Amino acid sequence: MENSKVGLIIFGIVAISLALGLGLGLGLKDDSDGKNNASSLDMSDMSIVPNLHAYKWVDLTHTFDENSLYWPAAVGTTEEGSFDMEVIYADDTDNGYYYASNQFCTPEHGGTHIDSPIHFARDRYTTEQLQLDRMNGPGIVIDITQQTSKDSDYLLSLEDVNAFEEKYGTIPSGSIVMLRTGWGNYYGNRTKYFGFVDGLPKDANNLHFPSYGTDAARLLIEDRYVNVLGIDAPSIDHGPSQSFLVHQLVFDQNIPALENVANLDQLPAVGSWIIAMPMKIGSGSGGPARIAALLPS
């Protein structure tokens, strides 16, 4: 699984964490002079910090703007959400400098975002409770675009995961698994992305797009112990689902999900390192996320 490349990236992330003083103390010195217990980076030895310019960054996040896509309204509910931004000030000031500031309003579940376990599982993690060490890991991209080109409601199967592992090796614990369905190519086209059928109401009861199957999801979280499941489509349950069994299964194990992920076609099946940083919303069931991947250049 290109372990040498993955190892380089893992070393880079770990070294940065250590340098920032996240608990292991490597490369840190005490500069408190007896006044406090603070530590700082030992600037005399920067060799422990890798040169991240040697890696390629891939942005896996769709821009939040008026074109962002949000979950359709179910029958009998209010209209679906949107990303709304209002300019507070954007002009020269009386003191001679330019100043710009905006305010925005958005539902938690839209655009490139995280689903926190509380979203479908009582008493599980809310967004601010998600551990940072679980929001990054080796990137695994399972490509099912060949299957989805023939079946828009396709579900990732155990056979698909087995075929992936036969080719690339066992999916390692702590991975961030991304399911590439090809639906990211349709982002921005609401009708195509959600799979609305002509002549039927454009609501959450008439959706068609592929996603994870329950058996495959169970294998990934219970046997492979992955950190996160992600997808380039609207949901980790496929469009026709009304019971959201994958959501229930995954979130009951306190594992979050990433939806509407961008640019998975730019990642290899193995060999990347993915970092997902959601907005830290207190008591949140989800929230906007900035997701990126590191690749050896």
Foldseek 3Di string as FASTA:
>chain_A
DPVVLQVVVVQQVVLVCCQVPVDDPPQWDAPCVPPDRDIHHNPVDPVSHDDLVQWDKDWFFDDADQLKDFAAAAPPDDGTWHKDKDWPDFAADPVGHTDTDMDIDTDQQIGWKKFFLVLQDPPFDAQLPDDQLLQKDWEAEQEPQVVCVPFFADADDPVSQVVLCVVVNAQAASYEYEYENVLLVVRSPLCSQQVADPPDDPGLQGGTGYAHDQVVLCCCCVVRVYQEYEYLGRDNHGRNDPPPVSSNVQSNSRHMYIYNTHDPVVDDNTSKMKGKDFDNDVRHSMHHITIMIIHRD
